[in-house]
Protein backbone atom coordinates (compact mmCIF):
# COMPACT_ATOMS: atom_id res chain seq x y z
CA MET A 1 100.05 110.33 89.20
CA ASP A 2 99.19 113.46 91.18
CA ARG A 3 95.87 113.63 89.33
CA CYS A 4 94.88 110.04 90.06
CA ASN A 5 92.38 109.16 92.74
CA LEU A 6 95.15 108.04 95.10
CA GLU A 7 95.44 109.24 98.68
CA PRO A 8 98.12 109.35 99.82
CA LEU A 9 100.53 109.15 96.92
CA ILE A 10 103.81 107.63 98.12
CA VAL A 11 106.83 108.02 95.82
CA VAL A 12 109.55 105.54 96.78
CA VAL A 13 113.06 106.74 95.93
CA ARG A 14 116.65 105.62 96.42
CA ALA A 15 118.75 107.37 99.05
CA ASP A 16 120.95 108.97 96.37
CA ASP A 17 118.02 110.24 94.25
CA ASN A 18 118.11 114.03 93.79
CA LEU A 19 114.43 113.98 92.67
CA GLU A 20 115.07 116.25 89.68
CA TRP A 21 112.78 113.99 87.62
CA LEU A 22 109.84 114.51 90.00
CA PRO A 23 107.67 117.51 89.12
CA PRO A 24 106.26 119.69 91.89
CA ALA A 25 103.08 118.31 93.46
CA ILE A 26 99.85 119.54 91.90
CA GLU A 27 97.58 118.74 94.82
CA PRO A 28 97.66 120.49 98.20
CA GLN A 29 100.70 119.80 100.35
CA GLY A 30 100.52 116.46 102.12
CA SER A 31 98.78 114.38 99.46
CA ARG A 32 102.10 113.26 97.96
CA ARG A 33 105.20 112.35 99.88
CA THR A 34 108.49 110.72 99.12
CA GLU A 35 109.70 107.68 101.01
CA THR A 36 113.44 107.06 100.91
CA CYS A 37 114.20 103.35 100.61
CA LEU A 38 117.69 102.61 101.91
CA THR A 39 117.52 99.07 100.51
CA ALA A 40 116.24 99.96 97.01
CA HIS A 41 119.57 98.95 95.47
CA LEU A 42 118.79 95.34 96.46
CA GLY A 43 115.89 95.08 94.02
CA LEU A 44 112.32 96.00 93.13
CA SER A 45 110.84 93.95 95.95
CA PHE A 46 112.63 96.12 98.51
CA SER A 47 111.24 99.35 97.02
CA LEU A 48 107.79 97.81 96.89
CA ARG A 49 108.05 96.77 100.54
CA CYS A 50 109.20 100.29 101.56
CA GLY A 51 106.19 101.83 99.86
CA LEU A 52 103.82 99.30 101.37
CA ASN A 53 105.28 99.81 104.85
CA ALA A 54 104.81 103.57 104.45
CA VAL A 55 101.10 103.22 103.76
CA LEU A 56 100.18 100.27 106.04
CA PRO A 57 99.57 102.45 109.14
CA LEU A 58 96.66 103.99 107.22
CA GLN A 59 95.05 100.52 106.84
CA PRO A 60 94.23 100.83 103.13
CA ASP A 61 91.92 98.40 101.35
CA ALA A 62 94.34 98.34 98.42
CA VAL A 63 97.48 99.92 96.99
CA VAL A 64 98.39 100.87 93.44
CA VAL A 65 101.92 100.12 92.30
CA ALA A 66 103.29 102.09 89.35
CA LEU A 67 106.83 102.44 88.05
CA ALA A 68 108.48 105.83 87.71
CA ASP A 69 110.18 104.83 84.45
CA GLN A 70 106.84 104.45 82.62
CA PRO A 71 106.09 108.07 81.66
CA PHE A 72 103.12 107.32 79.40
CA ILE A 73 100.90 105.77 82.06
CA THR A 74 97.76 107.89 82.18
CA THR A 75 95.51 109.08 84.96
CA ALA A 76 92.63 107.38 83.15
CA LEU A 77 94.40 104.01 83.23
CA VAL A 78 95.16 104.22 86.96
CA ASN A 79 91.64 105.41 87.75
CA ARG A 80 90.28 102.49 85.69
CA LEU A 81 92.21 100.08 87.94
CA ILE A 82 90.64 101.71 90.99
CA GLN A 83 87.11 101.73 89.52
CA THR A 84 87.39 98.08 88.48
CA PHE A 85 88.44 97.11 92.00
CA GLU A 86 85.59 99.12 93.52
CA GLN A 87 83.19 97.15 91.30
CA SER A 88 84.87 93.80 92.12
CA PRO A 89 86.30 94.09 95.65
CA GLU A 90 86.58 90.31 95.97
CA MET A 91 89.50 90.38 93.53
CA ASP A 92 93.04 90.13 94.87
CA TYR A 93 94.39 92.42 92.16
CA VAL A 94 93.57 94.47 89.09
CA ALA A 95 96.47 94.82 86.68
CA SER A 96 97.29 96.25 83.30
CA VAL A 97 98.20 93.89 80.51
CA SER A 98 100.57 94.38 77.59
CA ASN A 99 101.55 91.72 75.08
CA GLY A 100 99.68 89.13 77.13
CA SER A 101 101.55 89.83 80.38
CA ALA A 102 100.06 91.40 83.49
CA MET A 103 102.19 94.30 84.66
CA PRO A 104 102.23 97.63 86.49
CA PRO A 105 100.46 99.75 87.06
CA ALA A 106 98.58 97.27 89.20
CA LEU A 107 96.25 97.50 92.15
CA PHE A 108 96.74 94.99 94.96
CA SER A 109 94.05 94.27 97.55
CA LYS A 110 94.96 94.09 101.22
CA THR A 111 94.55 90.32 100.88
CA LEU A 112 97.88 90.38 99.03
CA PHE A 113 99.81 92.58 101.46
CA PRO A 114 101.44 89.55 103.19
CA ALA A 115 102.51 88.13 99.81
CA LEU A 116 103.90 91.52 98.77
CA GLN A 117 105.78 91.75 102.06
CA GLY A 118 107.30 88.33 101.36
CA LEU A 119 108.78 89.20 97.96
CA ASP A 120 112.53 89.32 97.55
CA GLY A 121 115.09 90.22 94.92
CA ASP A 122 114.52 92.19 91.74
CA ARG A 123 111.36 90.48 90.53
CA GLY A 124 108.75 92.83 91.90
CA ALA A 125 105.21 91.44 91.99
CA ALA A 126 105.26 89.65 88.61
CA GLY A 127 105.08 86.24 90.28
CA ILE A 128 101.97 87.24 92.18
CA LEU A 129 100.28 88.43 88.99
CA ARG A 130 101.09 85.10 87.27
CA SER A 131 100.12 82.88 90.19
CA PRO A 132 96.95 80.78 89.95
CA ASP A 133 96.62 81.18 93.73
CA TYR A 134 95.21 84.69 93.38
CA LYS A 135 92.11 86.06 91.66
CA GLY A 136 92.58 89.06 89.46
CA ILE A 137 91.33 91.10 86.57
CA VAL A 138 93.64 92.28 83.81
CA LEU A 139 92.74 95.35 81.78
CA GLU A 140 93.71 95.74 78.17
CA SER A 141 95.12 99.10 77.19
CA GLU A 142 94.56 101.11 74.04
CA SER A 143 98.28 101.42 73.42
CA ALA A 144 101.41 99.39 74.11
CA HIS A 145 103.21 102.75 74.33
CA TYR A 146 101.72 103.20 77.80
CA PHE A 147 104.05 100.50 79.06
CA MET A 148 107.30 101.70 77.55
CA ASP A 149 109.87 101.87 80.30
CA ALA A 150 113.37 103.26 80.51
CA ASP A 151 115.43 100.25 81.57
CA THR A 152 118.26 101.05 79.13
CA LYS A 153 119.69 104.10 77.34
CA GLU A 154 118.10 102.78 74.14
CA ASP A 155 114.71 102.58 75.87
CA PHE A 156 115.15 106.13 77.13
CA GLY A 157 115.96 107.34 73.60
CA GLU A 158 112.83 105.66 72.25
CA ILE A 159 110.75 107.23 75.02
CA GLN A 160 112.17 110.66 74.19
CA GLU A 161 111.21 110.17 70.53
CA GLN A 162 107.67 109.14 71.48
CA TRP A 163 107.39 112.07 73.89
CA ILE A 164 108.35 114.52 71.14
CA LEU A 165 105.88 112.90 68.73
CA ARG A 166 103.08 113.19 71.28
CA ASN A 167 103.89 116.55 72.82
CA GLY A 168 105.93 118.38 70.21
CA LYS A 169 108.67 119.15 72.77
């Protein structure tokens, strides 16, 4: 994510996270910062709200939400979300799609900030992406592997296998 066209890059973490999974920042100091979310244990919506609150003082036109447990998300995919929004700024969101479902990474316009602030529980923004009340664009990806996430030990094992296949390590 450090190489994406995101400024600033806010990484939301739990209070007990030792950050050993987070590589050193590539960009100059200050372009990426961590935001500790004391309520992250209550669900995805709380982490999302922490990240949004961290960036709101900068008055962004949009935010990109990505999940840390999706290691195959590419810079190109995130930059494609941004470019699509720049070409269609009237959209409320631009999201990735896998197996017919819109999902992160996703870009949310400032028109959706109140809806994002109103989320609760462990559902994240899935309801917003499915709602007919909002206009959005979903982008197909070249590979379903991009969206593999490590929700279980089995998922993590499968991700490790794919990582070795792709990187030889």
